[in-house]
Structures are given as C-alpha cells and as structure tokens.
C-alpha cells in the first residue's frame, strides 16, 4: 500500500516503534514471568543455603528465610513498571505527533518530492 501524496506512513515515527517494541516487551515479560519466579527462587535458595551453612559453621543459628516462587529477593516488578512507563510515554508522544500531522494543512505535510532535491 503506497501512501497518498502529502502523507507519511505511521512507521516513520520513532515513537511508533518505541510503542510497538515496548508493548512486545511487556507481553514477553508477562509470558516469561511464570518461569522466572520458580527459577529465581531456586537460585536464591542455593545462595541462602550457603549462607545458612556458613552460619552453622560459625556456631550461629540460621536466620535466613528461604525464598519461594511468590516471594523472591529479585523480582520483575521494577522492569515491568519501567517498561509500562516507557510504553505509555511512547504511546502518548506517538498519538500527539500523529494528531498534529492530521491537523496540519496539506501544503505543510511531508512530500517525497522535497527529499529528492
């Protein structure tokens, strides 16, 4: 599909791509979260087990609680919030620039002929 003279495709906007990849990253993060929790809990339990063994060797009572899949030290929540914020900002800026292009008079819109000169 060729754009009509005087219009630019939406894919020319960097905000469109930021929004698209932000959305894809949020979907991938949501899909990966189910496997992340148990794996991260296993890694943390191995570390916590070494901590508890070191405390036992020093004659101390182990005071480290073990991680579970629902309660880990490192979570995906900050990454989720950062990606959501980036996606919302990119959507807003894309929408604003798209509306601005629609409201401009036809004589001031993009024309491929101007790039050729």
PDB file of N, CA and C in Angstrom:
ATOM      1  N   UNK A   1       0.842  -1.161   0.000  1.00  0.00           N
ATOM      2  CA  UNK A   1       0.000   0.000   0.000  1.00  0.00           C
ATOM      3  C   UNK A   1       0.893   1.232   0.000  1.00  0.00           C
ATOM      4  N   UNK A   2       0.723   2.086  -0.984  1.00  0.00           N
ATOM      5  CA  UNK A   2       1.519   3.299  -1.105  1.00  0.00           C
ATOM      6  C   UNK A   2       0.777   4.457  -0.451  1.00  0.00           C
ATOM      7  N   UNK A   3       1.504   5.262   0.342  1.00  0.00           N
ATOM      8  CA  UNK A   3       0.830   6.390   0.969  1.00  0.00           C
ATOM      9  C   UNK A   3       0.452   7.429  -0.081  1.00  0.00           C
ATOM     10  N   UNK A   4      -0.649   8.105   0.158  1.00  0.00           N
ATOM     11  CA  UNK A   4      -1.057   9.154  -0.767  1.00  0.00           C
ATOM     12  C   UNK A   4      -0.075  10.315  -0.666  1.00  0.00           C
ATOM     13  N   UNK A   5       0.056  11.113  -1.732  1.00  0.00           N
ATOM     14  CA  UNK A   5       0.977  12.243  -1.692  1.00  0.00           C
ATOM     15  C   UNK A   5       0.628  13.166  -0.531  1.00  0.00           C
ATOM     16  N   UNK A   6       1.651  13.607   0.181  1.00  0.00           N
ATOM     17  CA  UNK A   6       1.447  14.524   1.286  1.00  0.00           C
ATOM     18  C   UNK A   6       1.296  13.845   2.637  1.00  0.00           C
ATOM     19  N   UNK A   7       1.265  12.520   2.683  1.00  0.00           N
ATOM     20  CA  UNK A   7       1.157  11.839   3.977  1.00  0.00           C
ATOM     21  C   UNK A   7       2.374  10.945   4.182  1.00  0.00           C
ATOM     22  N   UNK A   8       2.681  10.729   5.424  1.00  0.00           N
ATOM     23  CA  UNK A   8       3.781   9.837   5.784  1.00  0.00           C
ATOM     24  C   UNK A   8       3.204   8.620   6.466  1.00  0.00           C
ATOM     25  N   UNK A   9       3.794   7.467   6.248  1.00  0.00           N
ATOM     26  CA  UNK A   9       3.306   6.283   6.966  1.00  0.00           C
ATOM     27  C   UNK A   9       3.610   6.415   8.462  1.00  0.00           C
ATOM     28  N   UNK A  10       2.763   5.792   9.278  1.00  0.00           N
ATOM     29  CA  UNK A  10       2.971   5.891  10.723  1.00  0.00           C
ATOM     30  C   UNK A  10       4.274   5.222  11.156  1.00  0.00           C
ATOM     31  N   UNK A  11       4.776   4.304  10.348  1.00  0.00           N
ATOM     32  CA  UNK A  11       6.017   3.609  10.708  1.00  0.00           C
ATOM     33  C   UNK A  11       7.240   4.510  10.575  1.00  0.00           C
ATOM     34  N   UNK A  12       7.084   5.731  10.066  1.00  0.00           N
ATOM     35  CA  UNK A  12       8.196   6.680  10.007  1.00  0.00           C
ATOM     36  C   UNK A  12       8.465   7.335  11.359  1.00  0.00           C
ATOM     37  N   UNK A  13       7.543   7.193  12.280  1.00  0.00           N
ATOM     38  CA  UNK A  13       7.686   7.816  13.593  1.00  0.00           C
ATOM     39  C   UNK A  13       8.509   6.930  14.524  1.00  0.00           C
ATOM     40  N   UNK A  14       9.553   7.473  15.160  1.00  0.00           N
ATOM     41  CA  UNK A  14      10.295   6.666  16.138  1.00  0.00           C
ATOM     42  C   UNK A  14       9.442   6.315  17.352  1.00  0.00           C
ATOM     43  N   UNK A  15       8.424   7.131  17.662  1.00  0.00           N
ATOM     44  CA  UNK A  15       7.546   6.850  18.799  1.00  0.00           C
ATOM     45  C   UNK A  15       6.659   5.651  18.524  1.00  0.00           C
ATOM     46  N   UNK A  16       6.309   5.435  17.259  1.00  0.00           N
ATOM     47  CA  UNK A  16       5.547   4.248  16.894  1.00  0.00           C
ATOM     48  C   UNK A  16       6.351   3.000  17.226  1.00  0.00           C
ATOM     49  N   UNK A  17       7.639   3.011  16.874  1.00  0.00           N
ATOM     50  CA  UNK A  17       8.490   1.841  17.121  1.00  0.00           C
ATOM     51  C   UNK A  17       8.762   1.658  18.609  1.00  0.00           C
ATOM     52  N   UNK A  18       8.931   2.755  19.346  1.00  0.00           N
ATOM     53  CA  UNK A  18       9.109   2.639  20.800  1.00  0.00           C
ATOM     54  C   UNK A  18       7.860   2.038  21.433  1.00  0.00           C
ATOM     55  N   UNK A  19       6.694   2.477  20.977  1.00  0.00           N
ATOM     56  CA  UNK A  19       5.436   1.939  21.488  1.00  0.00           C
ATOM     57  C   UNK A  19       5.287   0.463  21.114  1.00  0.00           C
ATOM     58  N   UNK A  20       5.583   0.128  19.868  1.00  0.00           N
ATOM     59  CA  UNK A  20       5.440  -1.250  19.406  1.00  0.00           C
ATOM     60  C   UNK A  20       6.376  -2.195  20.167  1.00  0.00           C
ATOM     61  N   UNK A  21       7.649  -1.833  20.282  1.00  0.00           N
ATOM     62  CA  UNK A  21       8.608  -2.696  20.979  1.00  0.00           C
ATOM     63  C   UNK A  21       8.357  -2.710  22.486  1.00  0.00           C
ATOM     64  N   UNK A  22       7.880  -1.595  23.044  1.00  0.00           N
ATOM     65  CA  UNK A  22       7.518  -1.586  24.464  1.00  0.00           C
ATOM     66  C   UNK A  22       6.377  -2.539  24.752  1.00  0.00           C
ATOM     67  N   UNK A  23       5.379  -2.530  23.866  1.00  0.00           N
ATOM     68  CA  UNK A  23       4.246  -3.448  24.024  1.00  0.00           C
ATOM     69  C   UNK A  23       4.696  -4.903  23.888  1.00  0.00           C
ATOM     70  N   UNK A  24       5.554  -5.166  22.897  1.00  0.00           N
ATOM     71  CA  UNK A  24       6.067  -6.527  22.710  1.00  0.00           C
ATOM     72  C   UNK A  24       6.880  -6.964  23.936  1.00  0.00           C
ATOM     73  N   UNK A  25       7.660  -6.053  24.503  1.00  0.00           N
ATOM     74  CA  UNK A  25       8.458  -6.391  25.685  1.00  0.00           C
ATOM     75  C   UNK A  25       7.565  -6.680  26.887  1.00  0.00           C
ATOM     76  N   UNK A  26       6.475  -5.922  27.048  1.00  0.00           N
ATOM     77  CA  UNK A  26       5.547  -6.190  28.146  1.00  0.00           C
ATOM     78  C   UNK A  26       4.879  -7.553  27.986  1.00  0.00           C
ATOM     79  N   UNK A  27       4.518  -7.904  26.759  1.00  0.00           N
ATOM     80  CA  UNK A  27       3.911  -9.216  26.515  1.00  0.00           C
ATOM     81  C   UNK A  27       4.925 -10.323  26.807  1.00  0.00           C
ATOM     82  N   UNK A  28       6.159 -10.148  26.334  1.00  0.00           N
ATOM     83  CA  UNK A  28       7.199 -11.156  26.591  1.00  0.00           C
ATOM     84  C   UNK A  28       7.482 -11.284  28.080  1.00  0.00           C
ATOM     85  N   UNK A  29       7.495 -10.161  28.783  1.00  0.00           N
ATOM     86  CA  UNK A  29       7.729 -10.186  30.230  1.00  0.00           C
ATOM     87  C   UNK A  29       6.598 -10.918  30.949  1.00  0.00           C
ATOM     88  N   UNK A  30       5.374 -10.685  30.522  1.00  0.00           N
ATOM     89  CA  UNK A  30       4.235 -11.374  31.138  1.00  0.00           C
ATOM     90  C   UNK A  30       4.305 -12.879  30.878  1.00  0.00           C
ATOM     91  N   UNK A  31       4.733 -13.264  29.688  1.00  0.00           N
ATOM     92  CA  UNK A  31       4.849 -14.689  29.373  1.00  0.00           C
ATOM     93  C   UNK A  31       6.012 -15.346  30.121  1.00  0.00           C
ATOM     94  N   UNK A  32       7.096 -14.615  30.302  1.00  0.00           N
ATOM     95  CA  UNK A  32       8.282 -15.178  30.964  1.00  0.00           C
ATOM     96  C   UNK A  32       8.152 -15.193  32.483  1.00  0.00           C
ATOM     97  N   UNK A  33       7.253 -14.406  33.034  1.00  0.00           N
ATOM     98  CA  UNK A  33       7.132 -14.294  34.493  1.00  0.00           C
ATOM     99  C   UNK A  33       6.799 -15.630  35.148  1.00  0.00           C
ATOM    100  N   UNK A  34       6.035 -16.468  34.466  1.00  0.00           N
ATOM    101  CA  UNK A  34       5.671 -17.769  35.034  1.00  0.00           C
ATOM    102  C   UNK A  34       6.860 -18.681  35.244  1.00  0.00           C
ATOM    103  N   UNK A  35       7.852 -18.580  34.383  1.00  0.00           N
ATOM    104  CA  UNK A  35       9.042 -19.414  34.535  1.00  0.00           C
ATOM    105  C   UNK A  35      10.107 -18.722  35.381  1.00  0.00           C
ATOM    106  N   UNK A  36      10.052 -17.392  35.440  1.00  0.00           N
ATOM    107  CA  UNK A  36      11.068 -16.641  36.170  1.00  0.00           C
ATOM    108  C   UNK A  36      10.991 -16.892  37.672  1.00  0.00           C
ATOM    109  N   UNK A  37       9.788 -16.857  38.235  1.00  0.00           N
ATOM    110  CA  UNK A  37       9.626 -16.991  39.684  1.00  0.00           C
ATOM    111  C   UNK A  37      10.252 -18.262  40.250  1.00  0.00           C
ATOM    112  N   UNK A  38       9.882 -19.434  39.740  1.00  0.00           N
ATOM    113  CA  UNK A  38      10.478 -20.662  40.273  1.00  0.00           C
ATOM    114  C   UNK A  38      12.000 -20.737  40.058  1.00  0.00           C
ATOM    115  N   UNK A  39      12.458 -20.275  38.906  1.00  0.00           N
ATOM    116  CA  UNK A  39      13.909 -20.335  38.634  1.00  0.00           C
ATOM    117  C   UNK A  39      14.673 -19.390  39.551  1.00  0.00           C
ATOM    118  N   UNK A  40      14.182 -18.170  39.723  1.00  0.00           N
ATOM    119  CA  UNK A  40      14.845 -17.207  40.596  1.00  0.00           C
ATOM    120  C   UNK A  40      14.820 -17.693  42.039  1.00  0.00           C
ATOM    121  N   UNK A  41      13.718 -18.296  42.452  1.00  0.00           N
ATOM    122  CA  UNK A  41      13.636 -18.831  43.821  1.00  0.00           C
ATOM    123  C   UNK A  41      14.667 -19.934  44.027  1.00  0.00           C
ATOM    124  N   UNK A  42      14.865 -20.781  43.016  1.00  0.00           N
ATOM    125  CA  UNK A  42      15.862 -21.852  43.126  1.00  0.00           C
ATOM    126  C   UNK A  42      17.272 -21.266  43.270  1.00  0.00           C
ATOM    127  N   UNK A  43      17.586 -20.259  42.468  1.00  0.00           N
ATOM    128  CA  UNK A  43      18.909 -19.625  42.545  1.00  0.00           C
ATOM    129  C   UNK A  43      19.108 -18.983  43.913  1.00  0.00           C
ATOM    130  N   UNK A  44      18.081 -18.294  44.408  1.00  0.00           N
ATOM    131  CA  UNK A  44      18.185 -17.647  45.717  1.00  0.00           C
ATOM    132  C   UNK A  44      18.289 -18.661  46.841  1.00  0.00           C
ATOM    133  N   UNK A  45      17.570 -19.781  46.740  1.00  0.00           N
ATOM    134  CA  UNK A  45      17.659 -20.819  47.783  1.00  0.00           C
ATOM    135  C   UNK A  45      19.060 -21.430  47.845  1.00  0.00           C
ATOM    136  N   UNK A  46      19.699 -21.594  46.683  1.00  0.00           N
ATOM    137  CA  UNK A  46      21.078 -22.103  46.685  1.00  0.00           C
ATOM    138  C   UNK A  46      21.995 -21.142  47.436  1.00  0.00           C
ATOM    139  N   UNK A  47      21.854 -19.852  47.177  1.00  0.00           N
ATOM    140  CA  UNK A  47      22.655 -18.850  47.874  1.00  0.00           C
ATOM    141  C   UNK A  47      22.331 -18.833  49.362  1.00  0.00           C
ATOM    142  N   UNK A  48      21.038 -18.881  49.688  1.00  0.00           N
ATOM    143  CA  UNK A  48      20.627 -18.851  51.087  1.00  0.00           C
ATOM    144  C   UNK A  48      21.076 -20.115  51.827  1.00  0.00           C
ATOM    145  N   UNK A  49      21.116 -21.224  51.118  1.00  0.00           N
ATOM    146  CA  UNK A  49      21.625 -22.456  51.719  1.00  0.00           C
ATOM    147  C   UNK A  49      23.096 -22.325  52.087  1.00  0.00           C
ATOM    148  N   UNK A  50      23.881 -21.688  51.208  1.00  0.00           N
ATOM    149  CA  UNK A  50      25.300 -21.458  51.529  1.00  0.00           C
ATOM    150  C   UNK A  50      25.440 -20.501  52.707  1.00  0.00           C
ATOM    151  N   UNK A  51      24.561 -19.492  52.782  1.00  0.00           N
ATOM    152  CA  UNK A  51      24.590 -18.574  53.917  1.00  0.00           C
ATOM    153  C   UNK A  51      24.283 -19.318  55.217  1.00  0.00           C
ATOM    154  N   UNK A  52      23.275 -20.168  55.180  1.00  0.00           N
ATOM    155  CA  UNK A  52      22.887 -20.920  56.375  1.00  0.00           C
ATOM    156  C   UNK A  52      24.003 -21.879  56.799  1.00  0.00           C
ATOM    157  N   UNK A  53      24.668 -22.508  55.820  1.00  0.00           N
ATOM    158  CA  UNK A  53      25.777 -23.415  56.141  1.00  0.00           C
ATOM    159  C   UNK A  53      26.917 -22.650  56.797  1.00  0.00           C
ATOM    160  N   UNK A  54      27.200 -21.450  56.288  1.00  0.00           N
ATOM    161  CA  UNK A  54      28.263 -20.631  56.885  1.00  0.00           C
ATOM    162  C   UNK A  54      27.885 -20.213  58.304  1.00  0.00           C
ATOM    163  N   UNK A  55      26.616 -19.896  58.529  1.00  0.00           N
ATOM    164  CA  UNK A  55      26.179 -19.538  59.875  1.00  0.00           C
ATOM    165  C   UNK A  55      26.293 -20.735  60.821  1.00  0.00           C
ATOM    166  N   UNK A  56      25.971 -21.939  60.332  1.00  0.00           N
ATOM    167  CA  UNK A  56      26.097 -23.153  61.155  1.00  0.00           C
ATOM    168  C   UNK A  56      27.552 -23.406  61.515  1.00  0.00           C
ATOM    169  N   UNK A  57      28.463 -23.214  60.544  1.00  0.00           N
ATOM    170  CA  UNK A  57      29.886 -23.428  60.813  1.00  0.00           C
ATOM    171  C   UNK A  57      30.417 -22.463  61.864  1.00  0.00           C
ATOM    172  N   UNK A  58      29.850 -21.282  61.914  1.00  0.00           N
ATOM    173  CA  UNK A  58      30.286 -20.284  62.897  1.00  0.00           C
ATOM    174  C   UNK A  58      29.540 -20.404  64.229  1.00  0.00           C
ATOM    175  N   UNK A  59      28.721 -21.437  64.354  1.00  0.00           N
ATOM    176  CA  UNK A  59      28.007 -21.670  65.605  1.00  0.00           C
ATOM    177  C   UNK A  59      26.799 -20.766  65.791  1.00  0.00           C
ATOM    178  N   UNK A  60      26.325 -20.161  64.748  1.00  0.00           N
ATOM    179  CA  UNK A  60      25.166 -19.273  64.836  1.00  0.00           C
ATOM    180  C   UNK A  60      23.909 -20.013  64.394  1.00  0.00           C
ATOM    181  N   UNK A  61      22.795 -19.571  64.917  1.00  0.00           N
ATOM    182  CA  UNK A  61      21.515 -20.111  64.492  1.00  0.00           C
ATOM    183  C   UNK A  61      21.161 -19.462  63.147  1.00  0.00           C
ATOM    184  N   UNK A  62      20.852 -20.257  62.082  1.00  0.00           N
ATOM    185  CA  UNK A  62      20.499 -19.663  60.792  1.00  0.00           C
ATOM    186  C   UNK A  62      19.244 -18.790  60.911  1.00  0.00           C
ATOM    187  N   UNK A  63      19.363 -17.559  60.417  1.00  0.00           N
ATOM    188  CA  UNK A  63      18.235 -16.630  60.491  1.00  0.00           C
ATOM    189  C   UNK A  63      17.764 -16.184  59.109  1.00  0.00           C
ATOM    190  N   UNK A  64      18.228 -16.854  58.080  1.00  0.00           N
ATOM    191  CA  UNK A  64      17.858 -16.501  56.716  1.00  0.00           C
ATOM    192  C   UNK A  64      16.661 -17.333  56.296  1.00  0.00           C
ATOM    193  N   UNK A  65      15.579 -16.660  55.909  1.00  0.00           N
ATOM    194  CA  UNK A  65      14.413 -17.411  55.434  1.00  0.00           C
ATOM    195  C   UNK A  65      14.599 -17.739  53.951  1.00  0.00           C
ATOM    196  N   UNK A  66      14.088 -18.902  53.564  1.00  0.00           N
ATOM    197  CA  UNK A  66      14.268 -19.344  52.182  1.00  0.00           C
ATOM    198  C   UNK A  66      13.238 -18.700  51.263  1.00  0.00           C
ATOM    199  N   UNK A  67      13.667 -18.405  50.045  1.00  0.00           N
ATOM    200  CA  UNK A  67      12.785 -17.790  49.046  1.00  0.00           C
ATOM    201  C   UNK A  67      11.802 -18.797  48.489  1.00  0.00           C
ATOM    202  N   UNK A  68      10.657 -18.291  48.071  1.00  0.00           N
ATOM    203  CA  UNK A  68       9.669 -19.097  47.358  1.00  0.00           C
ATOM    204  C   UNK A  68       9.433 -18.449  45.996  1.00  0.00           C
ATOM    205  N   UNK A  69       8.709 -19.147  45.137  1.00  0.00           N
ATOM    206  CA  UNK A  69       8.443 -18.609  43.799  1.00  0.00           C
ATOM    207  C   UNK A  69       7.641 -17.316  43.871  1.00  0.00           C
ATOM    208  N   UNK A  70       6.808 -17.163  44.881  1.00  0.00           N
ATOM    209  CA  UNK A  70       5.998 -15.955  45.016  1.00  0.00           C
ATOM    210  C   UNK A  70       6.743 -14.839  45.737  1.00  0.00           C
ATOM    211  N   UNK A  71       7.762 -15.205  46.525  1.00  0.00           N
ATOM    212  CA  UNK A  71       8.482 -14.217  47.330  1.00  0.00           C
ATOM    213  C   UNK A  71       9.980 -14.402  47.112  1.00  0.00           C
ATOM    214  N   UNK A  72      10.518 -13.607  46.178  1.00  0.00           N
ATOM    215  CA  UNK A  72      11.948 -13.656  45.888  1.00  0.00           C
ATOM    216  C   UNK A  72      12.586 -12.311  46.223  1.00  0.00           C
ATOM    217  N   UNK A  73      13.896 -12.311  46.375  1.00  0.00           N
ATOM    218  CA  UNK A  73      14.610 -11.062  46.649  1.00  0.00           C
ATOM    219  C   UNK A  73      14.653 -10.171  45.415  1.00  0.00           C
ATOM    220  N   UNK A  74      14.824 -10.779  44.258  1.00  0.00           N
ATOM    221  CA  UNK A  74      14.882 -10.058  42.986  1.00  0.00           C
ATOM    222  C   UNK A  74      13.610 -10.377  42.216  1.00  0.00           C
ATOM    223  N   UNK A  75      12.859  -9.332  41.858  1.00  0.00           N
ATOM    224  CA  UNK A  75      11.601  -9.566  41.143  1.00  0.00           C
ATOM    225  C   UNK A  75      11.616  -8.838  39.804  1.00  0.00           C
ATOM    226  N   UNK A  76      10.618  -9.135  39.010  1.00  0.00           N
ATOM    227  CA  UNK A  76      10.464  -8.484  37.703  1.00  0.00           C
ATOM    228  C   UNK A  76       9.638  -7.208  37.799  1.00  0.00           C
ATOM    229  N   UNK A  77       9.143  -6.875  38.960  1.00  0.00           N
ATOM    230  CA  UNK A  77       8.257  -5.731  39.109  1.00  0.00           C
ATOM    231  C   UNK A  77       8.890  -4.408  38.675  1.00  0.00           C
ATOM    232  N   UNK A  78      10.133  -4.073  39.047  1.00  0.00           N
ATOM    233  CA  UNK A  78      10.714  -2.811  38.568  1.00  0.00           C
ATOM    234  C   UNK A  78      10.839  -2.769  37.039  1.00  0.00           C
ATOM    235  N   UNK A  79      11.202  -3.884  36.435  1.00  0.00           N
ATOM    236  CA  UNK A  79      11.301  -3.937  34.983  1.00  0.00           C
ATOM    237  C   UNK A  79       9.926  -3.767  34.349  1.00  0.00           C
ATOM    238  N   UNK A  80       8.913  -4.387  34.939  1.00  0.00           N
ATOM    239  CA  UNK A  80       7.551  -4.243  34.433  1.00  0.00           C
ATOM    240  C   UNK A  80       7.103  -2.784  34.493  1.00  0.00           C
ATOM    241  N   UNK A  81       7.333  -2.119  35.629  1.00  0.00           N
ATOM    242  CA  UNK A  81       6.925  -0.722  35.769  1.00  0.00           C
ATOM    243  C   UNK A  81       7.690   0.188  34.811  1.00  0.00           C
ATOM    244  N   UNK A  82       8.985  -0.053  34.632  1.00  0.00           N
ATOM    245  CA  UNK A  82       9.772   0.768  33.712  1.00  0.00           C
ATOM    246  C   UNK A  82       9.286   0.600  32.275  1.00  0.00           C
ATOM    247  N   UNK A  83       9.051  -0.642  31.859  1.00  0.00           N
ATOM    248  CA  UNK A  83       8.547  -0.881  30.500  1.00  0.00           C
ATOM    249  C   UNK A  83       7.151  -0.298  30.310  1.00  0.00           C
ATOM    250  N   UNK A  84       6.309  -0.399  31.329  1.00  0.00           N
ATOM    251  CA  UNK A  84       4.967   0.170  31.226  1.00  0.00           C
ATOM    252  C   UNK A  84       5.044   1.688  31.092  1.00  0.00           C
ATOM    253  N   UNK A  85       5.917   2.334  31.850  1.00  0.00           N
ATOM    254  CA  UNK A  85       6.067   3.794  31.759  1.00  0.00           C
ATOM    255  C   UNK A  85       6.588   4.203  30.384  1.00  0.00           C
ATOM    256  N   UNK A  86       7.593   3.493  29.882  1.00  0.00           N
ATOM    257  CA  UNK A  86       8.138   3.800  28.556  1.00  0.00           C
ATOM    258  C   UNK A  86       7.067   3.621  27.492  1.00  0.00           C
ATOM    259  N   UNK A  87       6.287   2.561  27.594  1.00  0.00           N
ATOM    260  CA  UNK A  87       5.240   2.299  26.607  1.00  0.00           C
ATOM    261  C   UNK A  87       4.160   3.376  26.639  1.00  0.00           C
ATOM    262  N   UNK A  88       3.749   3.790  27.829  1.00  0.00           N
ATOM    263  CA  UNK A  88       2.726   4.829  27.946  1.00  0.00           C
ATOM    264  C   UNK A  88       3.240   6.153  27.385  1.00  0.00           C
ATOM    265  N   UNK A  89       4.466   6.529  27.717  1.00  0.00           N
ATOM    266  CA  UNK A  89       5.038   7.773  27.201  1.00  0.00           C
ATOM    267  C   UNK A  89       5.179   7.712  25.685  1.00  0.00           C
ATOM    268  N   UNK A  90       5.659   6.590  25.163  1.00  0.00           N
ATOM    269  CA  UNK A  90       5.812   6.447  23.711  1.00  0.00           C
ATOM    270  C   UNK A  90       4.463   6.508  23.014  1.00  0.00           C
ATOM    271  N   UNK A  91       3.437   5.878  23.605  1.00  0.00           N
ATOM    272  CA  UNK A  91       2.108   5.948  23.003  1.00  0.00           C
ATOM    273  C   UNK A  91       1.597   7.380  22.973  1.00  0.00           C
ATOM    274  N   UNK A  92       1.752   8.089  24.089  1.00  0.00           N
ATOM    275  CA  UNK A  92       1.274   9.467  24.158  1.00  0.00           C
ATOM    276  C   UNK A  92       1.988  10.336  23.132  1.00  0.00           C
ATOM    277  N   UNK A  93       3.317  10.247  23.042  1.00  0.00           N
ATOM    278  CA  UNK A  93       4.065  11.070  22.086  1.00  0.00           C
ATOM    279  C   UNK A  93       3.736  10.687  20.647  1.00  0.00           C
ATOM    280  N   UNK A  94       3.542   9.409  20.389  1.00  0.00           N
ATOM    281  CA  UNK A  94       3.146   8.982  19.051  1.00  0.00           C
ATOM    282  C   UNK A  94       1.769   9.528  18.705  1.00  0.00           C
ATOM    283  N   UNK A  95       0.832   9.402  19.638  1.00  0.00           N
ATOM    284  CA  UNK A  95      -0.528   9.888  19.401  1.00  0.00           C
ATOM    285  C   UNK A  95      -0.511  11.389  19.160  1.00  0.00           C
ATOM    286  N   UNK A  96       0.261  12.133  19.962  1.00  0.00           N
ATOM    287  CA  UNK A  96       0.337  13.591  19.818  1.00  0.00           C
ATOM    288  C   UNK A  96       0.931  13.985  18.474  1.00  0.00           C
ATOM    289  N   UNK A  97       2.005  13.331  18.067  1.00  0.00           N
ATOM    290  CA  UNK A  97       2.617  13.682  16.776  1.00  0.00           C
ATOM    291  C   UNK A  97       1.714  13.264  15.612  1.00  0.00           C
ATOM    292  N   UNK A  98       1.005  12.148  15.768  1.00  0.00           N
ATOM    293  CA  UNK A  98       0.080  11.703  14.715  1.00  0.00           C
ATOM    294  C   UNK A  98      -1.087  12.686  14.580  1.00  0.00           C
ATOM    295  N   UNK A  99      -1.646  13.144  15.708  1.00  0.00           N
ATOM    296  CA  UNK A  99      -2.731  14.129  15.668  1.00  0.00           C
ATOM    297  C   UNK A  99      -2.257  15.448  15.071  1.00  0.00           C
ATOM    298  N   UNK A 100      -1.049  15.844  15.409  1.00  0.00           N
ATOM    299  CA  UNK A 100      -0.503  17.099  14.884  1.00  0.00           C
ATOM    300  C   UNK A 100      -0.370  17.021  13.364  1.00  0.00           C
ATOM    301  N   UNK A 101       0.081  15.866  12.857  1.00  0.00           N
ATOM    302  CA  UNK A 101       0.203  15.707  11.403  1.00  0.00           C
ATOM    303  C   UNK A 101      -1.166  15.743  10.728  1.00  0.00           C
ATOM    304  N   UNK A 102      -2.166  15.193  11.386  1.00  0.00           N
ATOM    305  CA  UNK A 102      -3.507  15.207  10.799  1.00  0.00           C
ATOM    306  C   UNK A 102      -4.098  16.604  10.765  1.00  0.00           C
ATOM    307  N   UNK A 103      -3.750  17.433  11.732  1.00  0.00           N
ATOM    308  CA  UNK A 103      -4.322  18.770  11.817  1.00  0.00           C
ATOM    309  C   UNK A 103      -3.585  19.790  10.954  1.00  0.00           C
ATOM    310  N   UNK A 104      -2.378  19.464  10.492  1.00  0.00           N
ATOM    311  CA  UNK A 104      -1.621  20.393   9.650  1.00  0.00           C
ATOM    312  C   UNK A 104      -2.296  20.530   8.295  1.00  0.00           C
ATOM    313  N   UNK A 105      -2.223  21.717   7.693  1.00  0.00           N
ATOM    314  CA  UNK A 105      -2.739  21.856   6.333  1.00  0.00           C
ATOM    315  C   UNK A 105      -1.938  20.986   5.371  1.00  0.00           C
ATOM    316  N   UNK A 106      -2.560  20.592   4.298  1.00  0.00           N
ATOM    317  CA  UNK A 106      -1.928  19.684   3.333  1.00  0.00           C
ATOM    318  C   UNK A 106      -0.654  20.275   2.739  1.00  0.00           C
ATOM    319  N   UNK A 107      -0.548  21.583   2.623  1.00  0.00           N
ATOM    320  CA  UNK A 107       0.630  22.177   1.987  1.00  0.00           C
ATOM    321  C   UNK A 107       1.879  22.038   2.841  1.00  0.00           C
ATOM    322  N   UNK A 108       1.726  21.847   4.162  1.00  0.00           N
ATOM    323  CA  UNK A 108       2.902  21.766   5.031  1.00  0.00           C
ATOM    324  C   UNK A 108       3.246  20.334   5.423  1.00  0.00           C
ATOM    325  N   UNK A 109       2.533  19.350   4.895  1.00  0.00           N
ATOM    326  CA  UNK A 109       2.827  17.972   5.262  1.00  0.00           C
ATOM    327  C   UNK A 109       3.988  17.449   4.434  1.00  0.00           C
ATOM    328  N   UNK A 110       4.454  16.302   4.797  1.00  0.00           N
ATOM    329  CA  UNK A 110       5.599  15.666   4.181  1.00  0.00           C
ATOM    330  C   UNK A 110       5.318  15.319   2.720  1.00  0.00           C
ATOM    331  N   UNK A 111       6.304  15.572   1.873  1.00  0.00           N
ATOM    332  CA  UNK A 111       6.178  15.207   0.469  1.00  0.00           C
ATOM    333  C   UNK A 111       7.496  14.584   0.020  1.00  0.00           C
ATOM    334  N   UNK A 112       7.456  13.390  -0.571  1.00  0.00           N
ATOM    335  CA  UNK A 112       8.699  12.744  -1.005  1.00  0.00           C
ATOM    336  C   UNK A 112       9.448  13.551  -2.068  1.00  0.00           C
ATOM    337  N   UNK A 113       8.746  14.395  -2.806  1.00  0.00           N
ATOM    338  CA  UNK A 113       9.415  15.191  -3.833  1.00  0.00           C
ATOM    339  C   UNK A 113      10.401  16.177  -3.225  1.00  0.00           C
ATOM    340  N   UNK A 114      10.134  16.646  -1.986  1.00  0.00           N
ATOM    341  CA  UNK A 114      11.032  17.583  -1.349  1.00  0.00           C
ATOM    342  C   UNK A 114      12.359  16.918  -0.966  1.00  0.00           C
ATOM    343  N   UNK A 115      12.340  15.626  -0.715  1.00  0.00           N
ATOM    344  CA  UNK A 115      13.562  14.915  -0.363  1.00  0.00           C
ATOM    345  C   UNK A 115      14.472  14.709  -1.575  1.00  0.00           C
ATOM    346  N   UNK A 116      13.905  14.687  -2.758  1.00  0.00           N
ATOM    347  CA  UNK A 116      14.680  14.424  -3.965  1.00  0.00           C
ATOM    348  C   UNK A 116      15.557  15.600  -4.340  1.00  0.00           C
ATOM    349  N   UNK A 117      15.207  16.803  -3.943  1.00  0.00           N
ATOM    350  CA  UNK A 117      16.003  17.980  -4.332  1.00  0.00           C
ATOM    351  C   UNK A 117      17.171  18.225  -3.434  1.00  0.00           C
TER     352      UNK A 117
END
